[in-house]
Every structure is written in C-alpha cells, then in structure tokens.
Amino acid sequence: MQTSQQHTMTASAVRPLLRFIEQHDISLSDALHGSDLSESTLNTDRLTINSFDQVINNISRICQQEDIGFIAGQGLEIQSFNLLAFLLSSCKTGRDALVTLRRYYILLSDTPAPEIFITKEEVKVLYYLSPGNELAMRARAELIATGINTLGRSFGGKAYHPLKIGFKHDKPSYHKNLEEYFGIDIHYNQNQCWISFSSEHIDKPLTETNPNFLHALRSQAEMLIPDYQHLKSCSTKVRHVLQQWPNQHTANKESVAELLNTSPRTLTRRLREENTQFSHLLREVRMEKAQARLESHSINMQELAQELGFADRRGFERAFKQWSKLTPSAYHKQWKNSATESQDLTLVY
C-alpha cells in the first residue's frame, strides 16, 4: 500500500521558532515532542510540514499563545535561505524577483508554487497551504504572508506598498496585532490565502529601490555560493550544487547551469569532456543522500523513496542496490549492527 507523500519545507523557517524557544526559556525537547525532529536533525536542509506543525502546536500549548506563526514570520530573514537568496541576489527588478521566487519555490517548499498575477495597479500572490490542523494551518498562512511582506520590504524599500491580505481562517483573537503590523485591510474566511501590493514600481531597478539590502544580499551570496574557482572540475562544481539542493529529484540541468553561470548546452559539453553526465551525478548524489538517511535508527523506506523522488519503494531499492550492491534494508541493518558493536566497545572501555 502506497503512503501519501509528506510535503517538506526549508528548515530555515524553523529558525525564528528556535529563537522564540530560547527567549521564552522553553525546553527544546518539549518543543520537539511528538515530531520526527531532534537537536541534530534541526541542522538539516529540510523538514516535513507535519513536523513543523507539531512544533507550532507544542509551542502554542506551552506558551498559551496562538500567534506563533505570525511571530515566526516576523523573524524570517531572506539571507538565511541560501540558494534562493543567491538566485534573488542576481535579480534586476521586482518582477525578476517574483519570477525567480515562483520558479524556485521548491527551495522553500515542495507544495504547489504560488500563483502570481500582475496588473497595472497591483500584484496579487495566491499561495497554497498543505492540510493540517486549524492552528497549524493558520500559523503557516500568517508566516507565509509575513514572509512575502518581508521580501517586498527588503527589495522594494519605500517603493513597496502592501494593499490587502486574505486568509482562509476565521478572524483570530489577535487580529489587531496583524492589522497593526501590516497596516492594511485584512480579509478572513477567503477561498484562498493571498496578499496584494502595488505594482507601480515592479519594473524599477532594485539598485534604486533598496540598494543597501541588495548589496548586502549579493555580498552574502558570494560567501554562500562562491565563484567555484577552488573547485577544479565541472563535475565537482555540479556535485557541490546538488549536495546543497533540497529534494534532488527536482533539480534539473537548467537550474544548475544557471547557478553556475553557464548554459545547459555548455554544461553538458563540459561534463562530457570529463566522461560523465548530469543524470549520473544526480543519481550519485541521490544515493549518497539515501545512504546518509539510512544511517539512522528509525527509517521508513517508503517515505525515504518518495522523499528522493522515486515512484515507489521498489524503484528506490533497485537503484540503491545497483549503486551499493546492497538493498536499503540490508545496508540499514549492517549500519545498525556496526553502531551497536561500536557502542559495546565504548561501554567495555
């Protein structure tokens, strides 16, 4: 029986929650209770939306606060989104930034990308929420709206003017806080979540709207994704990008070529000169990711297969065995036995 795919999101979204936990002296174990997260897994690139929802529910229950998503959204920093920040740093106008955001939305979440409508008067962004309980969905809705607003302010500066916001949920008890923060009309019980802002300066150069932020973003991008001069071969550069890319099955040659500031055709030619192909490198990185995930005490093979982009468990098992000469289950068992032996040796000494 095939299980439904669990949507994932960038782990950067949980960082404001961690700061909130620290500020309110909440135990990390209490905040993570019931989720599949641990202190070590918080440093990964992705987490399931179900886990994020559980953390939201825990913090809300402990603090007796329902506006956790709104609070977390205010703490989001565009610079912390790594590859997406790098891509946004090369945008020339607000329109470019919106196109890039939608095209690479997978870097934020593997839920459907938002729909963006641009008219002479306004830009309207309609965004999707994956299912969850009422509190968690409301938190995510407010977090996304706040994040989009932060992005607009960061790039647009004084040229950014929000117009209206729509939420699917009922008006919360803290609605005045939302209205004060956004400073615009907020509509509740909508068919879909959305936010709109003026399109007057959508094609104005970002170097004019908020040059200080753009300079800071580009400076950080140079540190996050260097010019790869220290990497000798093209295949090494591609692997370097793929290793940082969430959900390797969504990465494609065009996206990686853009990150490496080259064309897909040139990338193909350079890889051929090194006797390899993009698809081979992608498969290797996927298997290395699988290997790392299998080296944990608790693992769901079906979920791992879906996470890595395989249609079913059998396809994943076949690919992994071809790569490592062992089935995923056999590799996992071998690792557990090795880990147990190491622990026993530690206890003896």
Protein backbone atom coordinates (compact mmCIF):
# COMPACT_ATOMS: atom_id res chain seq x y z
CA MET A 1 0.00 0.00 0.00
CA GLN A 2 1.46 3.35 -1.05
CA THR A 3 1.53 6.09 1.55
CA SER A 4 0.76 9.69 0.69
CA GLN A 5 3.74 11.95 0.19
CA GLN A 6 4.69 14.18 3.08
CA HIS A 7 5.35 17.71 1.93
CA THR A 8 8.57 19.30 3.11
CA MET A 9 9.77 22.83 3.70
CA THR A 10 13.06 24.59 4.26
CA ALA A 11 14.49 24.25 7.75
CA SER A 12 15.23 27.99 7.65
CA ALA A 13 11.57 28.56 8.56
CA VAL A 14 12.07 26.94 11.96
CA ARG A 15 14.96 29.21 13.00
CA PRO A 16 12.72 32.03 14.25
CA LEU A 17 10.90 29.42 16.34
CA LEU A 18 14.19 28.33 17.87
CA ARG A 19 14.92 31.93 18.84
CA PHE A 20 11.43 32.19 20.34
CA ILE A 21 12.04 28.99 22.32
CA GLU A 22 15.30 30.36 23.68
CA GLN A 23 13.81 33.74 24.58
CA HIS A 24 10.92 32.13 26.46
CA ASP A 25 13.07 29.53 28.20
CA ILE A 26 11.23 26.60 26.62
CA SER A 27 12.89 23.20 26.66
CA LEU A 28 13.90 22.13 23.15
CA SER A 29 12.80 18.57 23.87
CA ASP A 30 9.35 19.86 24.89
CA ALA A 31 9.09 21.94 21.73
CA LEU A 32 10.07 18.98 19.52
CA HIS A 33 7.95 16.41 21.36
CA GLY A 34 5.90 14.22 19.04
CA SER A 35 7.71 15.34 15.88
CA ASP A 36 10.40 13.42 14.00
CA LEU A 37 12.87 16.21 14.75
CA SER A 38 15.79 16.17 17.14
CA GLU A 39 18.51 18.63 18.01
CA SER A 40 20.78 17.10 15.36
CA THR A 41 18.16 16.99 12.58
CA LEU A 42 17.41 20.68 13.02
CA ASN A 43 20.64 21.35 11.14
CA THR A 44 19.37 19.59 8.02
CA ASP A 45 18.14 21.46 4.95
CA ARG A 46 14.55 20.21 5.07
CA LEU A 47 11.86 19.11 7.48
CA THR A 48 8.38 17.74 6.92
CA ILE A 49 5.48 20.15 7.25
CA ASN A 50 3.92 17.70 9.70
CA SER A 51 6.96 18.12 11.97
CA PHE A 52 6.80 21.90 11.68
CA ASP A 53 3.11 21.80 12.59
CA GLN A 54 3.84 19.68 15.64
CA VAL A 55 6.44 22.18 16.85
CA ILE A 56 3.95 25.02 16.31
CA ASN A 57 1.31 23.14 18.31
CA ASN A 58 3.74 22.38 21.14
CA ILE A 59 4.98 25.95 21.49
CA SER A 60 1.46 27.34 21.32
CA ARG A 61 0.31 24.94 24.04
CA ILE A 62 3.28 25.66 26.31
CA CYS A 63 3.06 29.45 25.94
CA GLN A 64 -0.70 29.65 25.67
CA GLN A 65 -0.27 31.75 22.51
CA GLU A 66 -1.94 31.24 19.14
CA ASP A 67 0.02 33.79 17.09
CA ILE A 68 3.21 31.70 16.82
CA GLY A 69 3.21 31.69 13.01
CA PHE A 70 2.85 35.47 12.88
CA ILE A 71 5.70 35.86 15.38
CA ALA A 72 7.91 33.43 13.46
CA GLY A 73 7.19 35.21 10.19
CA GLN A 74 8.49 38.49 11.58
CA GLY A 75 11.79 36.77 12.34
CA LEU A 76 12.36 35.41 8.84
CA GLU A 77 15.48 36.65 7.09
CA ILE A 78 15.82 36.36 3.32
CA GLN A 79 19.58 35.93 3.67
CA SER A 80 19.10 32.64 5.53
CA PHE A 81 17.54 30.90 2.55
CA ASN A 82 20.89 30.01 0.98
CA LEU A 83 20.43 29.04 -2.68
CA LEU A 84 17.25 31.09 -3.06
CA ALA A 85 18.99 34.14 -1.62
CA PHE A 86 21.79 33.61 -4.13
CA LEU A 87 19.33 33.47 -7.03
CA LEU A 88 17.42 36.52 -5.81
CA SER A 89 20.65 38.48 -5.48
CA SER A 90 21.05 38.49 -9.27
CA CYS A 91 17.56 39.90 -9.94
CA LYS A 92 17.39 43.33 -11.55
CA THR A 93 13.78 44.30 -10.83
CA GLY A 94 10.92 43.36 -8.55
CA ARG A 95 9.32 41.48 -11.44
CA ASP A 96 12.50 39.43 -11.82
CA ALA A 97 12.43 38.63 -8.10
CA LEU A 98 8.81 37.43 -8.28
CA VAL A 99 9.52 35.22 -11.30
CA THR A 100 12.58 33.76 -9.55
CA LEU A 101 10.63 33.19 -6.34
CA ARG A 102 7.94 31.24 -8.16
CA ARG A 103 10.36 29.31 -10.36
CA TYR A 104 12.47 28.19 -7.43
CA TYR A 105 9.72 27.93 -4.82
CA ILE A 106 10.79 24.31 -4.36
CA LEU A 107 13.71 25.68 -2.35
CA LEU A 108 11.15 26.88 0.21
CA SER A 109 8.60 24.08 -0.01
CA ASP A 110 7.61 21.25 -2.33
CA THR A 111 3.95 22.24 -2.07
CA PRO A 112 2.49 23.85 -5.23
CA ALA A 113 4.12 27.17 -6.07
CA PRO A 114 2.09 30.35 -5.54
CA GLU A 115 0.17 31.94 -8.40
CA ILE A 116 1.26 35.50 -9.18
CA PHE A 117 -0.98 37.93 -11.07
CA ILE A 118 0.35 41.32 -12.16
CA THR A 119 -1.86 44.17 -13.39
CA LYS A 120 -1.21 47.87 -13.86
CA GLU A 121 -2.40 48.56 -10.31
CA GLU A 122 -1.39 45.57 -8.21
CA VAL A 123 0.49 42.33 -7.77
CA LYS A 124 -1.58 39.56 -6.21
CA VAL A 125 0.09 36.44 -4.82
CA LEU A 126 -2.15 33.44 -4.12
CA TYR A 127 -0.45 30.74 -2.09
CA TYR A 128 -1.26 27.15 -1.22
CA LEU A 129 -1.42 25.52 2.23
CA SER A 130 -1.00 21.79 2.66
CA PRO A 131 -3.55 20.18 5.01
CA GLY A 132 -3.10 20.26 8.77
CA ASN A 133 -4.93 21.11 11.96
CA GLU A 134 -6.59 24.51 12.30
CA LEU A 135 -3.93 26.11 14.49
CA ALA A 136 -1.01 24.92 12.36
CA MET A 137 -2.59 25.95 9.06
CA ARG A 138 -3.37 29.39 10.43
CA ALA A 139 0.21 29.70 11.66
CA ARG A 140 1.63 28.73 8.27
CA ALA A 141 -0.74 31.09 6.46
CA GLU A 142 0.38 34.03 8.59
CA LEU A 143 4.03 33.01 8.38
CA ILE A 144 3.93 32.96 4.56
CA ALA A 145 2.08 36.29 4.33
CA THR A 146 4.57 37.87 6.72
CA GLY A 147 7.45 36.34 4.76
CA ILE A 148 6.17 37.74 1.45
CA ASN A 149 5.71 41.11 3.09
CA THR A 150 9.28 40.96 4.43
CA LEU A 151 10.57 40.09 0.96
CA GLY A 152 8.66 43.02 -0.52
CA ARG A 153 10.00 45.45 2.05
CA SER A 154 13.53 44.14 1.67
CA PHE A 155 13.67 44.50 -2.10
CA GLY A 156 11.25 47.37 -2.62
CA GLY A 157 12.18 49.61 0.28
CA LYS A 158 9.95 52.68 0.35
CA ALA A 159 8.62 51.74 -3.11
CA TYR A 160 6.85 48.69 -1.65
CA HIS A 161 3.22 49.34 -0.71
CA PRO A 162 1.07 46.41 0.50
CA LEU A 163 -2.63 46.75 -0.33
CA LYS A 164 -4.68 43.88 1.10
CA ILE A 165 -4.33 40.43 2.63
CA GLY A 166 -6.72 37.49 2.58
CA PHE A 167 -6.72 34.46 4.89
CA LYS A 168 -8.83 31.31 4.72
CA HIS A 169 -9.18 31.11 8.51
CA ASP A 170 -11.52 32.98 10.83
CA LYS A 171 -10.53 36.28 12.40
CA PRO A 172 -8.21 35.38 15.32
CA SER A 173 -8.27 36.93 18.76
CA TYR A 174 -5.02 38.76 17.99
CA HIS A 175 -6.29 40.28 14.72
CA LYS A 176 -5.42 43.80 15.88
CA ASN A 177 -1.76 42.80 16.09
CA LEU A 178 -1.89 41.63 12.49
CA GLU A 179 -3.63 44.80 11.33
CA GLU A 180 -1.12 46.98 13.17
CA TYR A 181 1.85 45.11 11.72
CA PHE A 182 0.67 45.06 8.11
CA GLY A 183 -1.10 48.42 8.26
CA ILE A 184 -3.69 47.36 5.66
CA ASP A 185 -7.10 45.71 5.39
CA ILE A 186 -7.14 42.01 6.23
CA HIS A 187 -9.94 39.80 4.95
CA TYR A 188 -10.81 36.49 6.60
CA ASN A 189 -12.75 33.40 5.52
CA GLN A 190 -11.44 33.70 1.97
CA ASN A 191 -11.45 30.82 -0.51
CA GLN A 192 -7.66 31.03 -0.72
CA CYS A 193 -4.83 32.81 1.06
CA TRP A 194 -3.40 35.82 -0.77
CA ILE A 195 -1.55 39.09 -0.40
CA SER A 196 -1.52 42.03 -2.80
CA PHE A 197 0.72 45.05 -3.18
CA SER A 198 1.17 47.94 -5.58
CA SER A 199 2.77 47.16 -8.94
CA GLU A 200 3.74 50.78 -9.57
CA HIS A 201 7.47 50.15 -9.11
CA ILE A 202 7.56 46.49 -10.12
CA ASP A 203 9.95 47.21 -13.02
CA LYS A 204 12.09 49.75 -11.21
CA PRO A 205 15.75 48.65 -10.81
CA LEU A 206 16.38 47.11 -7.40
CA THR A 207 19.59 49.09 -7.25
CA GLU A 208 17.35 52.13 -6.82
CA THR A 209 14.61 50.74 -4.56
CA ASN A 210 16.81 49.37 -1.78
CA PRO A 211 20.50 49.39 -2.79
CA ASN A 212 21.82 48.69 0.71
CA PHE A 213 19.84 45.47 1.08
CA LEU A 214 20.72 44.30 -2.42
CA HIS A 215 24.41 44.96 -1.79
CA ALA A 216 24.28 43.01 1.48
CA LEU A 217 22.45 40.13 -0.20
CA ARG A 218 24.96 39.97 -3.04
CA SER A 219 27.87 40.12 -0.63
CA GLN A 220 26.45 37.21 1.32
CA ALA A 221 25.70 35.30 -1.87
CA GLU A 222 29.36 35.50 -2.78
CA MET A 223 30.19 33.81 0.51
CA LEU A 224 27.37 31.25 0.36
CA ILE A 225 27.92 30.22 -3.24
CA PRO A 226 31.46 31.22 -4.18
CA ASP A 227 32.60 31.54 -7.77
CA TYR A 228 33.78 27.91 -7.56
CA GLN A 229 37.31 28.80 -8.55
CA HIS A 230 38.56 26.50 -5.80
CA LEU A 231 36.69 23.59 -7.39
CA LYS A 232 38.81 22.18 -10.20
CA SER A 233 36.38 20.22 -12.36
CA CYS A 234 32.93 20.96 -13.73
CA SER A 235 31.57 17.71 -12.28
CA THR A 236 32.80 18.72 -8.82
CA LYS A 237 31.00 22.04 -9.15
CA VAL A 238 27.77 20.30 -10.18
CA ARG A 239 28.01 17.87 -7.27
CA HIS A 240 28.64 20.80 -4.91
CA VAL A 241 25.37 22.43 -6.01
CA LEU A 242 23.38 19.18 -5.97
CA GLN A 243 24.54 18.37 -2.45
CA GLN A 244 23.01 21.65 -1.26
CA TRP A 245 19.84 21.28 -3.31
CA PRO A 246 16.79 20.08 -1.36
CA ASN A 247 14.91 17.16 -2.91
CA GLN A 248 17.45 16.14 -5.53
CA HIS A 249 14.75 14.80 -7.85
CA THR A 250 13.57 18.35 -8.57
CA ALA A 251 16.98 19.67 -9.57
CA ASN A 252 17.47 19.89 -13.32
CA LYS A 253 20.28 20.74 -15.67
CA GLU A 254 18.85 24.18 -16.46
CA SER A 255 18.66 25.21 -12.79
CA VAL A 256 22.18 24.03 -12.00
CA ALA A 257 23.58 25.66 -15.14
CA GLU A 258 22.04 28.96 -14.08
CA LEU A 259 23.64 28.69 -10.65
CA LEU A 260 27.00 28.02 -12.29
CA ASN A 261 26.51 30.99 -14.62
CA THR A 262 26.61 28.91 -17.78
CA SER A 263 24.21 27.43 -20.33
CA PRO A 264 22.78 23.88 -20.19
CA ARG A 265 24.48 23.14 -23.50
CA THR A 266 27.89 24.25 -22.24
CA LEU A 267 27.38 22.34 -19.01
CA THR A 268 26.59 19.17 -20.96
CA ARG A 269 29.69 19.61 -23.11
CA ARG A 270 32.00 20.17 -20.13
CA LEU A 271 30.65 17.16 -18.29
CA ARG A 272 31.08 15.04 -21.42
CA GLU A 273 34.72 16.13 -21.56
CA GLU A 274 35.05 14.68 -18.05
CA ASN A 275 33.39 11.43 -19.15
CA THR A 276 30.21 11.92 -17.13
CA GLN A 277 26.66 13.23 -17.46
CA PHE A 278 24.36 15.36 -15.35
CA SER A 279 21.99 12.42 -14.80
CA HIS A 280 24.86 10.28 -13.48
CA LEU A 281 25.92 12.95 -10.98
CA LEU A 282 22.33 13.47 -9.90
CA ARG A 283 21.91 9.74 -9.28
CA GLU A 284 25.13 9.58 -7.27
CA VAL A 285 24.12 12.47 -5.03
CA ARG A 286 20.66 10.97 -4.50
CA MET A 287 22.23 7.67 -3.45
CA GLU A 288 24.66 9.43 -1.13
CA LYS A 289 21.71 11.24 0.44
CA ALA A 290 19.92 7.91 0.80
CA GLN A 291 22.99 6.36 2.39
CA ALA A 292 23.16 9.17 4.96
CA ARG A 293 19.45 8.80 5.79
CA LEU A 294 19.78 5.03 6.16
CA GLU A 295 22.40 5.59 8.84
CA SER A 296 19.78 6.35 11.48
CA HIS A 297 17.97 4.09 13.92
CA SER A 298 14.47 4.83 12.65
CA ILE A 299 13.71 4.88 8.94
CA ASN A 300 10.61 4.43 6.78
CA MET A 301 11.69 3.03 3.41
CA GLN A 302 8.54 4.08 1.57
CA GLU A 303 8.79 7.67 2.82
CA LEU A 304 12.50 7.77 2.00
CA ALA A 305 11.81 6.55 -1.54
CA GLN A 306 9.23 9.29 -2.05
CA GLU A 307 11.48 11.89 -0.49
CA LEU A 308 14.19 11.03 -3.02
CA GLY A 309 11.77 11.22 -5.92
CA PHE A 310 11.16 7.55 -6.68
CA ALA A 311 7.70 6.47 -7.78
CA ASP A 312 7.71 3.57 -5.33
CA ARG A 313 9.84 1.66 -2.87
CA ARG A 314 10.83 -0.99 -5.41
CA GLY A 315 12.36 1.58 -7.74
CA PHE A 316 14.39 3.01 -4.88
CA GLU A 317 15.55 -0.43 -3.72
CA ARG A 318 16.57 -1.40 -7.24
CA ALA A 319 18.55 1.82 -7.76
CA PHE A 320 20.23 1.65 -4.36
CA LYS A 321 21.25 -1.99 -4.81
CA GLN A 322 22.67 -1.24 -8.24
CA TRP A 323 24.72 1.56 -6.69
CA SER A 324 25.86 -0.05 -3.42
CA LYS A 325 25.43 -3.82 -4.09
CA LEU A 326 23.14 -3.94 -1.04
CA THR A 327 19.42 -3.38 -0.62
CA PRO A 328 18.49 -0.36 1.53
CA SER A 329 17.25 -2.71 4.28
CA ALA A 330 20.48 -4.71 4.22
CA TYR A 331 22.57 -1.54 4.33
CA HIS A 332 20.50 -0.19 7.22
CA LYS A 333 20.83 -3.48 9.13
CA GLN A 334 24.58 -3.55 8.52
CA TRP A 335 24.90 0.01 9.83
CA LYS A 336 22.82 -0.78 12.95
CA ASN A 337 24.96 -3.81 13.74
CA SER A 338 28.11 -1.77 13.30
CA ALA A 339 26.74 1.02 15.50
CA THR A 340 25.79 -1.48 18.21
CA GLU A 341 29.26 -3.04 18.15
CA SER A 342 30.86 0.39 18.47
CA GLN A 343 28.62 1.20 21.43
CA ASP A 344 29.51 -2.09 23.12
CA LEU A 345 33.21 -1.37 22.69
CA THR A 346 32.72 2.05 24.23
CA LEU A 347 30.95 0.51 27.21
CA VAL A 348 33.72 -2.07 27.70
CA TYR A 349 36.44 0.52 27.77
